[in-house]
Amino acid sequence: MGRKMLMLLGLVFIVSGCATTAQDQTMMTQLQMRMGELEREVQAKDARINELEGEVKDLSYDIKRMKEQKKSVSVVRSSSSSSSGSSAKDGEIIRVPVSAEQVQSALKAAGYYSGAIDGKIGSGTKQAIYQFQKDNNLKADGLIGKETWGELKTFLQ
């Protein structure tokens, strides 16, 4: 009887060990699957980070370029103001990063300006701006802002 009991205990031990091993295997498989999912998520996040870093570099370049354009426009405005004898108020007419020559060229191409393309914002240029705005249902304030330039630049080649 002792021997049977010993064999029975041994059998129970083996069976319970197998059951525990099966549970451990299932849990291990589940953990491996979850690790795989997490690794894929990390790879996706890394890819998104790389995309965003590229966008930041592009935007930084655009900002730098716009600052340089703004500086060159300021130089053009101040030189055209000083050479034409116009007031500082005239230099504030163009509020986007374009030159007075570009504005005059676009106005001329649109049929609103007939003067010389000299970069000087005189009364002829001011009148042309105002009339262009009025005819195109824009705020007729005589200033070249985003909306006015958006319409006007289409006439440049």
C-alpha atoms as a PDB file:
ATOM      1  CA  MET A   1       0.000   0.000   0.000  1.00  0.00           C
ATOM      2  CA  GLY A   2       2.882   2.340   0.779  1.00  0.00           C
ATOM      3  CA  ARG A   3       4.257   1.714  -2.594  1.00  0.00           C
ATOM      4  CA  LYS A   4       0.968   2.539  -4.308  1.00  0.00           C
ATOM      5  CA  MET A   5       0.720   5.696  -2.269  1.00  0.00           C
ATOM      6  CA  LEU A   6       4.225   6.662  -3.244  1.00  0.00           C
ATOM      7  CA  MET A   7       3.488   6.033  -6.914  1.00  0.00           C
ATOM      8  CA  LEU A   8       0.239   7.983  -6.671  1.00  0.00           C
ATOM      9  CA  LEU A   9       2.060  10.917  -5.104  1.00  0.00           C
ATOM     10  CA  GLY A  10       4.702  10.743  -7.796  1.00  0.00           C
ATOM     11  CA  LEU A  11       2.034  10.708 -10.493  1.00  0.00           C
ATOM     12  CA  VAL A  12       0.257  13.698  -8.927  1.00  0.00           C
ATOM     13  CA  PHE A  13       3.562  15.548  -8.750  1.00  0.00           C
ATOM     14  CA  ILE A  14       4.317  14.864 -12.420  1.00  0.00           C
ATOM     15  CA  VAL A  15       0.805  15.832 -13.566  1.00  0.00           C
ATOM     16  CA  SER A  16       0.765  19.009 -11.511  1.00  0.00           C
ATOM     17  CA  GLY A  17       4.207  19.892 -12.802  1.00  0.00           C
ATOM     18  CA  CYS A  18       3.002  19.450 -16.374  1.00  0.00           C
ATOM     19  CA  ALA A  19      -0.058  21.626 -15.716  1.00  0.00           C
ATOM     20  CA  THR A  20       2.112  24.350 -14.217  1.00  0.00           C
ATOM     21  CA  THR A  21       4.481  24.105 -17.156  1.00  0.00           C
ATOM     22  CA  ALA A  22       1.572  24.425 -19.585  1.00  0.00           C
ATOM     23  CA  GLN A  23       0.302  27.521 -17.751  1.00  0.00           C
ATOM     24  CA  ASP A  24       3.797  28.984 -17.722  1.00  0.00           C
ATOM     25  CA  GLN A  25       4.130  28.334 -21.452  1.00  0.00           C
ATOM     26  CA  THR A  26       0.790  30.061 -22.161  1.00  0.00           C
ATOM     27  CA  MET A  27       1.794  33.030 -20.043  1.00  0.00           C
ATOM     28  CA  MET A  28       5.205  33.160 -21.708  1.00  0.00           C
ATOM     29  CA  THR A  29       3.586  33.116 -25.152  1.00  0.00           C
ATOM     30  CA  GLN A  30       1.234  35.937 -24.152  1.00  0.00           C
ATOM     31  CA  LEU A  31       4.125  37.990 -22.785  1.00  0.00           C
ATOM     32  CA  GLN A  32       6.131  37.459 -25.967  1.00  0.00           C
ATOM     33  CA  MET A  33       3.154  38.575 -28.076  1.00  0.00           C
ATOM     34  CA  ARG A  34       2.717  41.687 -25.928  1.00  0.00           C
ATOM     35  CA  MET A  35       6.443  42.444 -26.224  1.00  0.00           C
ATOM     36  CA  GLY A  36       6.168  42.193 -29.990  1.00  0.00           C
ATOM     37  CA  GLU A  37       3.232  44.632 -29.973  1.00  0.00           C
ATOM     38  CA  LEU A  38       5.148  47.077 -27.791  1.00  0.00           C
ATOM     39  CA  GLU A  39       8.210  46.849 -30.033  1.00  0.00           C
ATOM     40  CA  ARG A  40       6.064  47.675 -33.071  1.00  0.00           C
ATOM     41  CA  GLU A  41       4.553  50.651 -31.206  1.00  0.00           C
ATOM     42  CA  VAL A  42       8.036  51.916 -30.306  1.00  0.00           C
ATOM     43  CA  GLN A  43       9.137  51.590 -33.945  1.00  0.00           C
ATOM     44  CA  ALA A  44       6.055  53.533 -35.084  1.00  0.00           C
ATOM     45  CA  LYS A  45       6.744  56.255 -32.507  1.00  0.00           C
ATOM     46  CA  ASP A  46      10.400  56.436 -33.603  1.00  0.00           C
ATOM     47  CA  ALA A  47       9.296  56.845 -37.212  1.00  0.00           C
ATOM     48  CA  ARG A  48       6.886  59.643 -36.204  1.00  0.00           C
ATOM     49  CA  ILE A  49       9.655  61.354 -34.223  1.00  0.00           C
ATOM     50  CA  ASN A  50      11.889  61.249 -37.303  1.00  0.00           C
ATOM     51  CA  GLU A  51       9.091  62.765 -39.406  1.00  0.00           C
ATOM     52  CA  LEU A  52       8.546  65.545 -36.863  1.00  0.00           C
ATOM     53  CA  GLU A  53      12.270  66.271 -36.679  1.00  0.00           C
ATOM     54  CA  GLY A  54      12.278  66.665 -40.460  1.00  0.00           C
ATOM     55  CA  GLU A  55       9.299  69.018 -40.284  1.00  0.00           C
ATOM     56  CA  VAL A  56      11.031  71.089 -37.591  1.00  0.00           C
ATOM     57  CA  LYS A  57      14.141  71.385 -39.783  1.00  0.00           C
ATOM     58  CA  ASP A  58      12.010  72.461 -42.744  1.00  0.00           C
ATOM     59  CA  LEU A  59      10.160  75.047 -40.658  1.00  0.00           C
ATOM     60  CA  SER A  60      13.420  76.354 -39.190  1.00  0.00           C
ATOM     61  CA  TYR A  61      14.775  76.784 -42.695  1.00  0.00           C
ATOM     62  CA  ASP A  62      11.574  78.580 -43.769  1.00  0.00           C
ATOM     63  CA  ILE A  63      11.736  80.911 -40.766  1.00  0.00           C
ATOM     64  CA  LYS A  64      15.384  81.715 -41.463  1.00  0.00           C
ATOM     65  CA  ARG A  65      14.616  82.401 -45.126  1.00  0.00           C
ATOM     66  CA  MET A  66      11.634  84.619 -44.226  1.00  0.00           C
ATOM     67  CA  LYS A  67      13.760  86.605 -41.758  1.00  0.00           C
ATOM     68  CA  GLU A  68      16.357  87.138 -44.485  1.00  0.00           C
ATOM     69  CA  GLN A  69      13.654  88.231 -46.920  1.00  0.00           C
ATOM     70  CA  LYS A  70      12.207  90.593 -44.323  1.00  0.00           C
ATOM     71  CA  LYS A  71      15.637  92.162 -43.821  1.00  0.00           C
ATOM     72  CA  SER A  72      16.104  92.644 -47.555  1.00  0.00           C
ATOM     73  CA  VAL A  73      12.595  94.127 -47.898  1.00  0.00           C
ATOM     74  CA  SER A  74      13.344  96.536 -45.043  1.00  0.00           C
ATOM     75  CA  VAL A  75      16.507  97.625 -46.827  1.00  0.00           C
ATOM     76  CA  VAL A  76      14.592  98.115 -50.078  1.00  0.00           C
ATOM     77  CA  ARG A  77      11.869 100.086 -48.305  1.00  0.00           C
ATOM     78  CA  SER A  78      14.250 102.319 -46.430  1.00  0.00           C
ATOM     79  CA  SER A  79      16.352 102.983 -49.522  1.00  0.00           C
ATOM     80  CA  SER A  80      13.291 103.731 -51.638  1.00  0.00           C
ATOM     81  CA  SER A  81      11.898 105.989 -48.914  1.00  0.00           C
ATOM     82  CA  SER A  82      15.118 107.936 -48.522  1.00  0.00           C
ATOM     83  CA  SER A  83      15.739 108.268 -52.254  1.00  0.00           C
ATOM     84  CA  SER A  84      12.216 109.365 -53.071  1.00  0.00           C
ATOM     85  CA  GLY A  85      11.872 111.787 -50.213  1.00  0.00           C
ATOM     86  CA  SER A  86       8.710 110.037 -49.046  1.00  0.00           C
ATOM     87  CA  SER A  87       7.828 109.739 -45.402  1.00  0.00           C
ATOM     88  CA  ALA A  88       8.314 106.667 -43.199  1.00  0.00           C
ATOM     89  CA  LYS A  89       4.559 106.185 -43.503  1.00  0.00           C
ATOM     90  CA  ASP A  90       5.005 105.347 -47.206  1.00  0.00           C
ATOM     91  CA  GLY A  91       7.433 102.557 -46.284  1.00  0.00           C
ATOM     92  CA  GLU A  92       4.694 100.944 -44.203  1.00  0.00           C
ATOM     93  CA  ILE A  93       2.360 100.504 -47.181  1.00  0.00           C
ATOM     94  CA  ILE A  94       3.862  97.123 -48.078  1.00  0.00           C
ATOM     95  CA  ARG A  95       3.241  94.748 -45.173  1.00  0.00           C
ATOM     96  CA  VAL A  96       4.307  91.480 -46.774  1.00  0.00           C
ATOM     97  CA  PRO A  97       7.820  90.346 -47.794  1.00  0.00           C
ATOM     98  CA  VAL A  98       7.807  91.743 -51.352  1.00  0.00           C
ATOM     99  CA  SER A  99       9.593  94.652 -52.946  1.00  0.00           C
ATOM    100  CA  ALA A 100       8.035  97.851 -54.236  1.00  0.00           C
ATOM    101  CA  GLU A 101       9.187  96.822 -57.719  1.00  0.00           C
ATOM    102  CA  GLN A 102       7.227  93.555 -57.468  1.00  0.00           C
ATOM    103  CA  VAL A 103       4.117  95.449 -56.388  1.00  0.00           C
ATOM    104  CA  GLN A 104       4.500  97.947 -59.236  1.00  0.00           C
ATOM    105  CA  SER A 105       5.120  95.154 -61.769  1.00  0.00           C
ATOM    106  CA  ALA A 106       2.028  93.254 -60.635  1.00  0.00           C
ATOM    107  CA  LEU A 107      -0.097  96.416 -60.692  1.00  0.00           C
ATOM    108  CA  LYS A 108       1.182  97.227 -64.179  1.00  0.00           C
ATOM    109  CA  ALA A 109       0.450  93.685 -65.421  1.00  0.00           C
ATOM    110  CA  ALA A 110      -3.045  93.956 -63.927  1.00  0.00           C
ATOM    111  CA  GLY A 111      -3.596  97.237 -65.786  1.00  0.00           C
ATOM    112  CA  TYR A 112      -3.703  99.531 -62.743  1.00  0.00           C
ATOM    113  CA  TYR A 113      -0.316 101.228 -62.926  1.00  0.00           C
ATOM    114  CA  SER A 114       1.288 102.987 -65.850  1.00  0.00           C
ATOM    115  CA  GLY A 115       4.301 104.628 -64.204  1.00  0.00           C
ATOM    116  CA  ALA A 116       7.918 103.513 -64.116  1.00  0.00           C
ATOM    117  CA  ILE A 117       8.913 100.400 -62.185  1.00  0.00           C
ATOM    118  CA  ASP A 118      11.298 102.352 -59.966  1.00  0.00           C
ATOM    119  CA  GLY A 119      10.604 100.964 -56.487  1.00  0.00           C
ATOM    120  CA  LYS A 120       9.274 104.311 -55.292  1.00  0.00           C
ATOM    121  CA  ILE A 121       5.855 104.275 -53.673  1.00  0.00           C
ATOM    122  CA  GLY A 122       4.462 107.513 -54.989  1.00  0.00           C
ATOM    123  CA  SER A 123       0.953 108.794 -55.500  1.00  0.00           C
ATOM    124  CA  GLY A 124       0.520 106.786 -58.731  1.00  0.00           C
ATOM    125  CA  THR A 125       1.398 103.523 -56.998  1.00  0.00           C
ATOM    126  CA  LYS A 126      -0.828 104.354 -54.024  1.00  0.00           C
ATOM    127  CA  GLN A 127      -3.771 105.169 -56.276  1.00  0.00           C
ATOM    128  CA  ALA A 128      -3.233 101.958 -58.251  1.00  0.00           C
ATOM    129  CA  ILE A 129      -3.216  99.904 -55.044  1.00  0.00           C
ATOM    130  CA  TYR A 130      -6.407 101.521 -53.811  1.00  0.00           C
ATOM    131  CA  GLN A 131      -8.205 101.054 -57.139  1.00  0.00           C
ATOM    132  CA  PHE A 132      -7.065  97.423 -57.423  1.00  0.00           C
ATOM    133  CA  GLN A 133      -8.414  96.716 -53.937  1.00  0.00           C
ATOM    134  CA  LYS A 134     -11.701  98.429 -54.678  1.00  0.00           C
ATOM    135  CA  ASP A 135     -12.213  96.574 -57.981  1.00  0.00           C
ATOM    136  CA  ASN A 136     -11.368  93.209 -56.397  1.00  0.00           C
ATOM    137  CA  ASN A 137     -13.677  93.555 -53.387  1.00  0.00           C
ATOM    138  CA  LEU A 138     -10.782  93.867 -50.969  1.00  0.00           C
ATOM    139  CA  LYS A 139     -10.496  96.246 -48.048  1.00  0.00           C
ATOM    140  CA  ALA A 140      -9.602  99.473 -49.890  1.00  0.00           C
ATOM    141  CA  ASP A 141      -7.033 100.797 -47.412  1.00  0.00           C
ATOM    142  CA  GLY A 142      -4.140 101.350 -49.822  1.00  0.00           C
ATOM    143  CA  LEU A 143      -1.951  98.816 -47.976  1.00  0.00           C
ATOM    144  CA  ILE A 144      -0.377  95.694 -49.454  1.00  0.00           C
ATOM    145  CA  GLY A 145      -1.255  93.023 -46.893  1.00  0.00           C
ATOM    146  CA  LYS A 146      -1.713  89.278 -47.209  1.00  0.00           C
ATOM    147  CA  GLU A 147      -5.081  89.407 -48.963  1.00  0.00           C
ATOM    148  CA  THR A 148      -4.186  92.164 -51.398  1.00  0.00           C
ATOM    149  CA  TRP A 149      -0.859  90.576 -52.260  1.00  0.00           C
ATOM    150  CA  GLY A 150      -2.545  87.176 -52.596  1.00  0.00           C
ATOM    151  CA  GLU A 151      -4.735  88.591 -55.372  1.00  0.00           C
ATOM    152  CA  LEU A 152      -2.129  90.871 -56.882  1.00  0.00           C
ATOM    153  CA  LYS A 153       0.753  88.382 -57.149  1.00  0.00           C
ATOM    154  CA  THR A 154      -1.225  86.299 -59.636  1.00  0.00           C
ATOM    155  CA  PHE A 155      -0.426  88.958 -62.222  1.00  0.00           C
ATOM    156  CA  LEU A 156       3.340  88.423 -61.937  1.00  0.00           C
ATOM    157  CA  GLN A 157       4.856  86.079 -64.490  1.00  0.00           C
END
